[in-house]
Amino acid sequence: MVKHVVFWRLKPEAHGHTAAQNAQLIKEKLEALVGVIPGLLSVEVGFDLARFEQASDVALYATFDSREALAAYDVHPAHKAVVPFITDARAERWAVDYDV
């Protein structure tokens, strides 16, 4: 199993929405990928509660059945359709993938 963890700090505004509205839209778009992309076992998206200066706004925690499934996710059309929305809404991104 592979875990895929991503953190985003969002722009104050993008797509005509506030950062909070975009965070909710990101959550909905990513969670909708479960059952669509083979090998994607789960998706959990959460929002920062602490509001520390160093904190990110949105966290993604996804599990995949293999490294190959993670690689397939990256190029899957359903995922690629979500990426531009997130890219335009984010100011910064951090990620880590690891085997379990």
PDB file of N, CA and C in Angstrom:
ATOM      1  N   MET A   1       0.839  -1.173   0.000  1.00  0.00           N
ATOM      2  CA  MET A   1       0.000   0.000   0.000  1.00  0.00           C
ATOM      3  C   MET A   1       0.888   1.241   0.000  1.00  0.00           C
ATOM      4  N   VAL A   2       0.406   2.296  -0.660  1.00  0.00           N
ATOM      5  CA  VAL A   2       1.126   3.564  -0.741  1.00  0.00           C
ATOM      6  C   VAL A   2       0.230   4.668  -0.194  1.00  0.00           C
ATOM      7  N   LYS A   3       0.827   5.527   0.606  1.00  0.00           N
ATOM      8  CA  LYS A   3       0.127   6.709   1.109  1.00  0.00           C
ATOM      9  C   LYS A   3       0.613   7.922   0.328  1.00  0.00           C
ATOM     10  N   HIS A   4      -0.313   8.785  -0.021  1.00  0.00           N
ATOM     11  CA  HIS A   4      -0.033  10.011  -0.772  1.00  0.00           C
ATOM     12  C   HIS A   4      -0.583  11.165   0.064  1.00  0.00           C
ATOM     13  N   VAL A   5       0.314  12.031   0.535  1.00  0.00           N
ATOM     14  CA  VAL A   5      -0.080  13.133   1.404  1.00  0.00           C
ATOM     15  C   VAL A   5       0.335  14.436   0.735  1.00  0.00           C
ATOM     16  N   VAL A   6      -0.620  15.350   0.617  1.00  0.00           N
ATOM     17  CA  VAL A   6      -0.354  16.643  -0.021  1.00  0.00           C
ATOM     18  C   VAL A   6      -0.923  17.740   0.869  1.00  0.00           C
ATOM     19  N   PHE A   7      -0.180  18.832   0.961  1.00  0.00           N
ATOM     20  CA  PHE A   7      -0.644  20.017   1.678  1.00  0.00           C
ATOM     21  C   PHE A   7      -0.625  21.200   0.722  1.00  0.00           C
ATOM     22  N   TRP A   8      -1.670  22.002   0.771  1.00  0.00           N
ATOM     23  CA  TRP A   8      -1.742  23.205  -0.052  1.00  0.00           C
ATOM     24  C   TRP A   8      -2.003  24.421   0.824  1.00  0.00           C
ATOM     25  N   ARG A   9      -1.326  25.490   0.513  1.00  0.00           N
ATOM     26  CA  ARG A   9      -1.695  26.809   1.025  1.00  0.00           C
ATOM     27  C   ARG A   9      -2.389  27.495  -0.151  1.00  0.00           C
ATOM     28  N   LEU A  10      -3.591  27.984   0.086  1.00  0.00           N
ATOM     29  CA  LEU A  10      -4.398  28.546  -0.992  1.00  0.00           C
ATOM     30  C   LEU A  10      -4.232  30.056  -1.114  1.00  0.00           C
ATOM     31  N   LYS A  11      -4.486  30.557  -2.313  1.00  0.00           N
ATOM     32  CA  LYS A  11      -4.538  31.996  -2.546  1.00  0.00           C
ATOM     33  C   LYS A  11      -5.786  32.543  -1.836  1.00  0.00           C
ATOM     34  N   PRO A  12      -5.771  33.802  -1.421  1.00  0.00           N
ATOM     35  CA  PRO A  12      -6.956  34.363  -0.764  1.00  0.00           C
ATOM     36  C   PRO A  12      -8.207  34.308  -1.646  1.00  0.00           C
ATOM     37  N   GLU A  13      -8.000  34.448  -2.957  1.00  0.00           N
ATOM     38  CA  GLU A  13      -9.102  34.359  -3.918  1.00  0.00           C
ATOM     39  C   GLU A  13      -8.604  33.702  -5.193  1.00  0.00           C
ATOM     40  N   ALA A  14      -9.482  32.914  -5.805  1.00  0.00           N
ATOM     41  CA  ALA A  14      -9.217  32.312  -7.114  1.00  0.00           C
ATOM     42  C   ALA A  14     -10.541  31.778  -7.640  1.00  0.00           C
ATOM     43  N   HIS A  15     -10.674  31.722  -8.926  1.00  0.00           N
ATOM     44  CA  HIS A  15     -11.891  31.214  -9.560  1.00  0.00           C
ATOM     45  C   HIS A  15     -13.137  31.990  -9.123  1.00  0.00           C
ATOM     46  N   GLY A  16     -12.969  33.219  -8.652  1.00  0.00           N
ATOM     47  CA  GLY A  16     -14.095  33.999  -8.179  1.00  0.00           C
ATOM     48  C   GLY A  16     -14.616  33.566  -6.819  1.00  0.00           C
ATOM     49  N   HIS A  17     -13.817  32.775  -6.082  1.00  0.00           N
ATOM     50  CA  HIS A  17     -14.208  32.261  -4.772  1.00  0.00           C
ATOM     51  C   HIS A  17     -13.160  32.631  -3.738  1.00  0.00           C
ATOM     52  N   THR A  18     -13.568  32.589  -2.476  1.00  0.00           N
ATOM     53  CA  THR A  18     -12.624  32.752  -1.371  1.00  0.00           C
ATOM     54  C   THR A  18     -11.801  31.475  -1.217  1.00  0.00           C
ATOM     55  N   ALA A  19     -10.754  31.561  -0.430  1.00  0.00           N
ATOM     56  CA  ALA A  19      -9.938  30.375  -0.154  1.00  0.00           C
ATOM     57  C   ALA A  19     -10.785  29.282   0.498  1.00  0.00           C
ATOM     58  N   ALA A  20     -11.655  29.650   1.422  1.00  0.00           N
ATOM     59  CA  ALA A  20     -12.499  28.659   2.099  1.00  0.00           C
ATOM     60  C   ALA A  20     -13.446  27.969   1.111  1.00  0.00           C
ATOM     61  N   GLN A  21     -14.009  28.727   0.196  1.00  0.00           N
ATOM     62  CA  GLN A  21     -14.884  28.126  -0.810  1.00  0.00           C
ATOM     63  C   GLN A  21     -14.101  27.198  -1.730  1.00  0.00           C
ATOM     64  N   ASN A  22     -12.905  27.621  -2.132  1.00  0.00           N
ATOM     65  CA  ASN A  22     -12.075  26.769  -2.982  1.00  0.00           C
ATOM     66  C   ASN A  22     -11.632  25.517  -2.243  1.00  0.00           C
ATOM     67  N   ALA A  23     -11.359  25.619  -0.958  1.00  0.00           N
ATOM     68  CA  ALA A  23     -10.992  24.444  -0.178  1.00  0.00           C
ATOM     69  C   ALA A  23     -12.122  23.414  -0.224  1.00  0.00           C
ATOM     70  N   GLN A  24     -13.344  23.864  -0.055  1.00  0.00           N
ATOM     71  CA  GLN A  24     -14.489  22.949  -0.100  1.00  0.00           C
ATOM     72  C   GLN A  24     -14.636  22.328  -1.485  1.00  0.00           C
ATOM     73  N   LEU A  25     -14.444  23.113  -2.530  1.00  0.00           N
ATOM     74  CA  LEU A  25     -14.540  22.582  -3.897  1.00  0.00           C
ATOM     75  C   LEU A  25     -13.430  21.566  -4.169  1.00  0.00           C
ATOM     76  N   ILE A  26     -12.227  21.834  -3.687  1.00  0.00           N
ATOM     77  CA  ILE A  26     -11.120  20.880  -3.832  1.00  0.00           C
ATOM     78  C   ILE A  26     -11.486  19.567  -3.151  1.00  0.00           C
ATOM     79  N   LYS A  27     -12.014  19.662  -1.951  1.00  0.00           N
ATOM     80  CA  LYS A  27     -12.430  18.463  -1.212  1.00  0.00           C
ATOM     81  C   LYS A  27     -13.437  17.648  -2.021  1.00  0.00           C
ATOM     82  N   GLU A  28     -14.452  18.302  -2.523  1.00  0.00           N
ATOM     83  CA  GLU A  28     -15.492  17.608  -3.287  1.00  0.00           C
ATOM     84  C   GLU A  28     -14.922  16.958  -4.550  1.00  0.00           C
ATOM     85  N   LYS A  29     -14.079  17.681  -5.254  1.00  0.00           N
ATOM     86  CA  LYS A  29     -13.505  17.159  -6.501  1.00  0.00           C
ATOM     87  C   LYS A  29     -12.599  15.956  -6.245  1.00  0.00           C
ATOM     88  N   LEU A  30     -11.773  16.018  -5.211  1.00  0.00           N
ATOM     89  CA  LEU A  30     -10.859  14.908  -4.918  1.00  0.00           C
ATOM     90  C   LEU A  30     -11.599  13.692  -4.369  1.00  0.00           C
ATOM     91  N   GLU A  31     -12.548  13.906  -3.478  1.00  0.00           N
ATOM     92  CA  GLU A  31     -13.296  12.776  -2.925  1.00  0.00           C
ATOM     93  C   GLU A  31     -14.121  12.070  -3.994  1.00  0.00           C
ATOM     94  N   ALA A  32     -14.522  12.777  -5.028  1.00  0.00           N
ATOM     95  CA  ALA A  32     -15.296  12.182  -6.121  1.00  0.00           C
ATOM     96  C   ALA A  32     -14.471  11.221  -6.977  1.00  0.00           C
ATOM     97  N   LEU A  33     -13.151  11.220  -6.811  1.00  0.00           N
ATOM     98  CA  LEU A  33     -12.290  10.338  -7.606  1.00  0.00           C
ATOM     99  C   LEU A  33     -12.296   8.891  -7.113  1.00  0.00           C
ATOM    100  N   VAL A  34     -12.704   8.670  -5.860  1.00  0.00           N
ATOM    101  CA  VAL A  34     -12.760   7.309  -5.320  1.00  0.00           C
ATOM    102  C   VAL A  34     -13.829   6.529  -6.082  1.00  0.00           C
ATOM    103  N   GLY A  35     -13.458   5.348  -6.545  1.00  0.00           N
ATOM    104  CA  GLY A  35     -14.371   4.531  -7.337  1.00  0.00           C
ATOM    105  C   GLY A  35     -14.286   4.816  -8.824  1.00  0.00           C
ATOM    106  N   VAL A  36     -13.583   5.875  -9.177  1.00  0.00           N
ATOM    107  CA  VAL A  36     -13.399   6.247 -10.583  1.00  0.00           C
ATOM    108  C   VAL A  36     -12.020   5.820 -11.075  1.00  0.00           C
ATOM    109  N   ILE A  37     -11.018   5.980 -10.223  1.00  0.00           N
ATOM    110  CA  ILE A  37      -9.633   5.670 -10.597  1.00  0.00           C
ATOM    111  C   ILE A  37      -9.238   4.342  -9.967  1.00  0.00           C
ATOM    112  N   PRO A  38      -8.921   3.345 -10.793  1.00  0.00           N
ATOM    113  CA  PRO A  38      -8.526   2.037 -10.255  1.00  0.00           C
ATOM    114  C   PRO A  38      -7.311   2.145  -9.340  1.00  0.00           C
ATOM    115  N   GLY A  39      -7.363   1.411  -8.241  1.00  0.00           N
ATOM    116  CA  GLY A  39      -6.241   1.378  -7.307  1.00  0.00           C
ATOM    117  C   GLY A  39      -6.257   2.486  -6.273  1.00  0.00           C
ATOM    118  N   LEU A  40      -7.115   3.494  -6.443  1.00  0.00           N
ATOM    119  CA  LEU A  40      -7.275   4.544  -5.448  1.00  0.00           C
ATOM    120  C   LEU A  40      -8.243   4.018  -4.395  1.00  0.00           C
ATOM    121  N   LEU A  41      -7.721   3.712  -3.217  1.00  0.00           N
ATOM    122  CA  LEU A  41      -8.522   3.059  -2.182  1.00  0.00           C
ATOM    123  C   LEU A  41      -9.326   4.029  -1.335  1.00  0.00           C
ATOM    124  N   SER A  42      -8.727   5.165  -1.005  1.00  0.00           N
ATOM    125  CA  SER A  42      -9.436   6.130  -0.169  1.00  0.00           C
ATOM    126  C   SER A  42      -8.867   7.524  -0.362  1.00  0.00           C
ATOM    127  N   VAL A  43      -9.720   8.501  -0.077  1.00  0.00           N
ATOM    128  CA  VAL A  43      -9.316   9.907  -0.113  1.00  0.00           C
ATOM    129  C   VAL A  43      -9.939  10.592   1.093  1.00  0.00           C
ATOM    130  N   GLU A  44      -9.104  11.313   1.802  1.00  0.00           N
ATOM    131  CA  GLU A  44      -9.576  12.125   2.926  1.00  0.00           C
ATOM    132  C   GLU A  44      -8.997  13.519   2.742  1.00  0.00           C
ATOM    133  N   VAL A  45      -9.866  14.520   2.779  1.00  0.00           N
ATOM    134  CA  VAL A  45      -9.428  15.908   2.631  1.00  0.00           C
ATOM    135  C   VAL A  45      -9.894  16.669   3.864  1.00  0.00           C
ATOM    136  N   GLY A  46      -8.969  17.396   4.476  1.00  0.00           N
ATOM    137  CA  GLY A  46      -9.301  18.161   5.671  1.00  0.00           C
ATOM    138  C   GLY A  46      -8.768  19.574   5.586  1.00  0.00           C
ATOM    139  N   PHE A  47      -9.318  20.424   6.441  1.00  0.00           N
ATOM    140  CA  PHE A  47      -8.961  21.839   6.474  1.00  0.00           C
ATOM    141  C   PHE A  47      -8.283  22.169   7.799  1.00  0.00           C
ATOM    142  N   ASP A  48      -7.310  23.044   7.750  1.00  0.00           N
ATOM    143  CA  ASP A  48      -6.547  23.431   8.930  1.00  0.00           C
ATOM    144  C   ASP A  48      -7.434  24.103   9.973  1.00  0.00           C
ATOM    145  N   LEU A  49      -7.265  23.688  11.213  1.00  0.00           N
ATOM    146  CA  LEU A  49      -7.991  24.284  12.332  1.00  0.00           C
ATOM    147  C   LEU A  49      -7.137  25.270  13.121  1.00  0.00           C
ATOM    148  N   ALA A  50      -5.824  25.042  13.137  1.00  0.00           N
ATOM    149  CA  ALA A  50      -4.926  25.803  14.006  1.00  0.00           C
ATOM    150  C   ALA A  50      -4.687  27.229  13.524  1.00  0.00           C
ATOM    151  N   ARG A  51      -4.608  27.411  12.242  1.00  0.00           N
ATOM    152  CA  ARG A  51      -4.376  28.719  11.638  1.00  0.00           C
ATOM    153  C   ARG A  51      -3.031  29.325  12.039  1.00  0.00           C
ATOM    154  N   PHE A  52      -2.028  28.463  12.275  1.00  0.00           N
ATOM    155  CA  PHE A  52      -0.677  28.947  12.520  1.00  0.00           C
ATOM    156  C   PHE A  52      -0.109  29.519  11.242  1.00  0.00           C
ATOM    157  N   GLU A  53       0.852  30.413  11.372  1.00  0.00           N
ATOM    158  CA  GLU A  53       1.480  31.027  10.207  1.00  0.00           C
ATOM    159  C   GLU A  53       2.101  29.977   9.283  1.00  0.00           C
ATOM    160  N   GLN A  54       2.665  28.905   9.859  1.00  0.00           N
ATOM    161  CA  GLN A  54       3.340  27.874   9.078  1.00  0.00           C
ATOM    162  C   GLN A  54       2.374  26.813   8.526  1.00  0.00           C
ATOM    163  N   ALA A  55       1.115  26.888   8.867  1.00  0.00           N
ATOM    164  CA  ALA A  55       0.165  25.835   8.501  1.00  0.00           C
ATOM    165  C   ALA A  55      -0.285  25.950   7.047  1.00  0.00           C
ATOM    166  N   SER A  56      -0.666  24.814   6.507  1.00  0.00           N
ATOM    167  CA  SER A  56      -1.306  24.773   5.195  1.00  0.00           C
ATOM    168  C   SER A  56      -2.806  24.930   5.405  1.00  0.00           C
ATOM    169  N   ASP A  57      -3.516  25.182   4.330  1.00  0.00           N
ATOM    170  CA  ASP A  57      -4.964  25.344   4.414  1.00  0.00           C
ATOM    171  C   ASP A  57      -5.706  24.027   4.220  1.00  0.00           C
ATOM    172  N   VAL A  58      -5.185  23.186   3.321  1.00  0.00           N
ATOM    173  CA  VAL A  58      -5.874  21.954   2.944  1.00  0.00           C
ATOM    174  C   VAL A  58      -4.880  20.800   2.969  1.00  0.00           C
ATOM    175  N   ALA A  59      -5.328  19.656   3.461  1.00  0.00           N
ATOM    176  CA  ALA A  59      -4.509  18.442   3.459  1.00  0.00           C
ATOM    177  C   ALA A  59      -5.260  17.335   2.727  1.00  0.00           C
ATOM    178  N   LEU A  60      -4.532  16.599   1.902  1.00  0.00           N
ATOM    179  CA  LEU A  60      -5.047  15.412   1.221  1.00  0.00           C
ATOM    180  C   LEU A  60      -4.303  14.203   1.765  1.00  0.00           C
ATOM    181  N   TYR A  61      -5.050  13.178   2.137  1.00  0.00           N
ATOM    182  CA  TYR A  61      -4.479  11.912   2.580  1.00  0.00           C
ATOM    183  C   TYR A  61      -5.167  10.834   1.741  1.00  0.00           C
ATOM    184  N   ALA A  62      -4.415  10.234   0.829  1.00  0.00           N
ATOM    185  CA  ALA A  62      -4.987   9.225  -0.065  1.00  0.00           C
ATOM    186  C   ALA A  62      -4.190   7.932   0.047  1.00  0.00           C
ATOM    187  N   THR A  63      -4.883   6.810  -0.139  1.00  0.00           N
ATOM    188  CA  THR A  63      -4.208   5.515  -0.133  1.00  0.00           C
ATOM    189  C   THR A  63      -4.415   4.834  -1.475  1.00  0.00           C
ATOM    190  N   PHE A  64      -3.367   4.134  -1.901  1.00  0.00           N
ATOM    191  CA  PHE A  64      -3.362   3.406  -3.163  1.00  0.00           C
ATOM    192  C   PHE A  64      -2.904   1.981  -2.912  1.00  0.00           C
ATOM    193  N   ASP A  65      -3.357   1.064  -3.736  1.00  0.00           N
ATOM    194  CA  ASP A  65      -2.977  -0.325  -3.505  1.00  0.00           C
ATOM    195  C   ASP A  65      -1.552  -0.652  -3.937  1.00  0.00           C
ATOM    196  N   SER A  66      -0.904   0.263  -4.705  1.00  0.00           N
ATOM    197  CA  SER A  66       0.466   0.010  -5.154  1.00  0.00           C
ATOM    198  C   SER A  66       1.089   1.298  -5.695  1.00  0.00           C
ATOM    199  N   ARG A  67       2.387   1.251  -5.909  1.00  0.00           N
ATOM    200  CA  ARG A  67       3.074   2.379  -6.551  1.00  0.00           C
ATOM    201  C   ARG A  67       2.568   2.570  -7.973  1.00  0.00           C
ATOM    202  N   GLU A  68       2.265   1.455  -8.633  1.00  0.00           N
ATOM    203  CA  GLU A  68       1.747   1.528 -10.001  1.00  0.00           C
ATOM    204  C   GLU A  68       0.395   2.242 -10.036  1.00  0.00           C
ATOM    205  N   ALA A  69      -0.441   1.989  -9.029  1.00  0.00           N
ATOM    206  CA  ALA A  69      -1.741   2.665  -8.950  1.00  0.00           C
ATOM    207  C   ALA A  69      -1.560   4.166  -8.736  1.00  0.00           C
ATOM    208  N   LEU A  70      -0.585   4.542  -7.912  1.00  0.00           N
ATOM    209  CA  LEU A  70      -0.302   5.963  -7.705  1.00  0.00           C
ATOM    210  C   LEU A  70       0.163   6.609  -9.006  1.00  0.00           C
ATOM    211  N   ALA A  71       1.031   5.930  -9.738  1.00  0.00           N
ATOM    212  CA  ALA A  71       1.510   6.458 -11.018  1.00  0.00           C
ATOM    213  C   ALA A  71       0.363   6.577 -12.020  1.00  0.00           C
ATOM    214  N   ALA A  72      -0.543   5.613 -12.030  1.00  0.00           N
ATOM    215  CA  ALA A  72      -1.693   5.656 -12.934  1.00  0.00           C
ATOM    216  C   ALA A  72      -2.644   6.788 -12.566  1.00  0.00           C
ATOM    217  N   TYR A  73      -2.798   7.048 -11.273  1.00  0.00           N
ATOM    218  CA  TYR A  73      -3.627   8.152 -10.780  1.00  0.00           C
ATOM    219  C   TYR A  73      -3.123   9.480 -11.323  1.00  0.00           C
ATOM    220  N   ASP A  74      -1.814   9.642 -11.308  1.00  0.00           N
ATOM    221  CA  ASP A  74      -1.207  10.899 -11.741  1.00  0.00           C
ATOM    222  C   ASP A  74      -1.579  11.261 -13.171  1.00  0.00           C
ATOM    223  N   VAL A  75      -1.746  10.265 -14.040  1.00  0.00           N
ATOM    224  CA  VAL A  75      -2.035  10.528 -15.455  1.00  0.00           C
ATOM    225  C   VAL A  75      -3.481  10.210 -15.838  1.00  0.00           C
ATOM    226  N   HIS A  76      -4.278   9.761 -14.890  1.00  0.00           N
ATOM    227  CA  HIS A  76      -5.675   9.413 -15.183  1.00  0.00           C
ATOM    228  C   HIS A  76      -6.454  10.677 -15.578  1.00  0.00           C
ATOM    229  N   PRO A  77      -7.282  10.611 -16.613  1.00  0.00           N
ATOM    230  CA  PRO A  77      -8.032  11.789 -17.064  1.00  0.00           C
ATOM    231  C   PRO A  77      -8.895  12.441 -15.978  1.00  0.00           C
ATOM    232  N   ALA A  78      -9.477  11.651 -15.097  1.00  0.00           N
ATOM    233  CA  ALA A  78     -10.310  12.228 -14.032  1.00  0.00           C
ATOM    234  C   ALA A  78      -9.462  13.063 -13.067  1.00  0.00           C
ATOM    235  N   HIS A  79      -8.263  12.592 -12.756  1.00  0.00           N
ATOM    236  CA  HIS A  79      -7.356  13.355 -11.898  1.00  0.00           C
ATOM    237  C   HIS A  79      -6.839  14.579 -12.634  1.00  0.00           C
ATOM    238  N   LYS A  80      -6.444  14.392 -13.886  1.00  0.00           N
ATOM    239  CA  LYS A  80      -5.923  15.503 -14.679  1.00  0.00           C
ATOM    240  C   LYS A  80      -6.957  16.611 -14.846  1.00  0.00           C
ATOM    241  N   ALA A  81      -8.242  16.272 -14.783  1.00  0.00           N
ATOM    242  CA  ALA A  81      -9.299  17.280 -14.889  1.00  0.00           C
ATOM    243  C   ALA A  81      -9.385  18.145 -13.628  1.00  0.00           C
ATOM    244  N   VAL A  82      -8.985  17.609 -12.493  1.00  0.00           N
ATOM    245  CA  VAL A  82      -9.038  18.330 -11.212  1.00  0.00           C
ATOM    246  C   VAL A  82      -7.795  19.212 -11.010  1.00  0.00           C
ATOM    247  N   VAL A  83      -6.673  18.777 -11.533  1.00  0.00           N
ATOM    248  CA  VAL A  83      -5.388  19.445 -11.283  1.00  0.00           C
ATOM    249  C   VAL A  83      -5.399  20.935 -11.639  1.00  0.00           C
ATOM    250  N   PRO A  84      -5.903  21.361 -12.801  1.00  0.00           N
ATOM    251  CA  PRO A  84      -5.854  22.796 -13.109  1.00  0.00           C
ATOM    252  C   PRO A  84      -6.620  23.665 -12.103  1.00  0.00           C
ATOM    253  N   PHE A  85      -7.737  23.168 -11.597  1.00  0.00           N
ATOM    254  CA  PHE A  85      -8.488  23.926 -10.600  1.00  0.00           C
ATOM    255  C   PHE A  85      -7.638  24.142  -9.355  1.00  0.00           C
ATOM    256  N   ILE A  86      -7.010  23.060  -8.887  1.00  0.00           N
ATOM    257  CA  ILE A  86      -6.185  23.154  -7.684  1.00  0.00           C
ATOM    258  C   ILE A  86      -4.964  24.036  -7.933  1.00  0.00           C
ATOM    259  N   THR A  87      -4.314  23.839  -9.066  1.00  0.00           N
ATOM    260  CA  THR A  87      -3.115  24.621  -9.391  1.00  0.00           C
ATOM    261  C   THR A  87      -3.412  26.113  -9.400  1.00  0.00           C
ATOM    262  N   ASP A  88      -4.529  26.497  -9.977  1.00  0.00           N
ATOM    263  CA  ASP A  88      -4.885  27.914 -10.034  1.00  0.00           C
ATOM    264  C   ASP A  88      -5.295  28.469  -8.668  1.00  0.00           C
ATOM    265  N   ALA A  89      -5.765  27.603  -7.762  1.00  0.00           N
ATOM    266  CA  ALA A  89      -6.220  28.052  -6.447  1.00  0.00           C
ATOM    267  C   ALA A  89      -5.108  28.059  -5.400  1.00  0.00           C
ATOM    268  N   ARG A  90      -4.008  27.385  -5.670  1.00  0.00           N
ATOM    269  CA  ARG A  90      -2.976  27.245  -4.644  1.00  0.00           C
ATOM    270  C   ARG A  90      -1.861  28.265  -4.784  1.00  0.00           C
ATOM    271  N   ALA A  91      -1.316  28.613  -3.634  1.00  0.00           N
ATOM    272  CA  ALA A  91      -0.131  29.457  -3.600  1.00  0.00           C
ATOM    273  C   ALA A  91       1.119  28.606  -3.414  1.00  0.00           C
ATOM    274  N   GLU A  92       0.979  27.513  -2.627  1.00  0.00           N
ATOM    275  CA  GLU A  92       2.103  26.620  -2.344  1.00  0.00           C
ATOM    276  C   GLU A  92       1.594  25.189  -2.239  1.00  0.00           C
ATOM    277  N   ARG A  93       2.514  24.238  -2.482  1.00  0.00           N
ATOM    278  CA  ARG A  93       2.165  22.813  -2.409  1.00  0.00           C
ATOM    279  C   ARG A  93       3.346  22.034  -1.848  1.00  0.00           C
ATOM    280  N   TRP A  94       3.032  21.079  -0.982  1.00  0.00           N
ATOM    281  CA  TRP A  94       4.024  20.138  -0.457  1.00  0.00           C
ATOM    282  C   TRP A  94       3.424  18.745  -0.556  1.00  0.00           C
ATOM    283  N   ALA A  95       4.255  17.744  -0.826  1.00  0.00           N
ATOM    284  CA  ALA A  95       3.740  16.373  -0.961  1.00  0.00           C
ATOM    285  C   ALA A  95       4.781  15.362  -0.519  1.00  0.00           C
ATOM    286  N   VAL A  96       4.272  14.203  -0.096  1.00  0.00           N
ATOM    287  CA  VAL A  96       5.129  13.064   0.199  1.00  0.00           C
ATOM    288  C   VAL A  96       4.338  11.796  -0.123  1.00  0.00           C
ATOM    289  N   ASP A  97       5.019  10.821  -0.711  1.00  0.00           N
ATOM    290  CA  ASP A  97       4.453   9.501  -0.978  1.00  0.00           C
ATOM    291  C   ASP A  97       5.336   8.484  -0.260  1.00  0.00           C
ATOM    292  N   TYR A  98       4.702   7.498   0.382  1.00  0.00           N
ATOM    293  CA  TYR A  98       5.507   6.500   1.070  1.00  0.00           C
ATOM    294  C   TYR A  98       4.801   5.148   1.093  1.00  0.00           C
ATOM    295  N   ASP A  99       5.624   4.094   1.139  1.00  0.00           N
ATOM    296  CA  ASP A  99       5.113   2.728   1.234  1.00  0.00           C
ATOM    297  C   ASP A  99       4.738   2.418   2.672  1.00  0.00           C
ATOM    298  N   VAL A 100       3.715   1.582   2.814  1.00  0.00           N
ATOM    299  CA  VAL A 100       3.294   1.123   4.130  1.00  0.00           C
ATOM    300  C   VAL A 100       3.471  -0.387   4.170  1.00  0.00           C
TER     301      VAL A 100
END
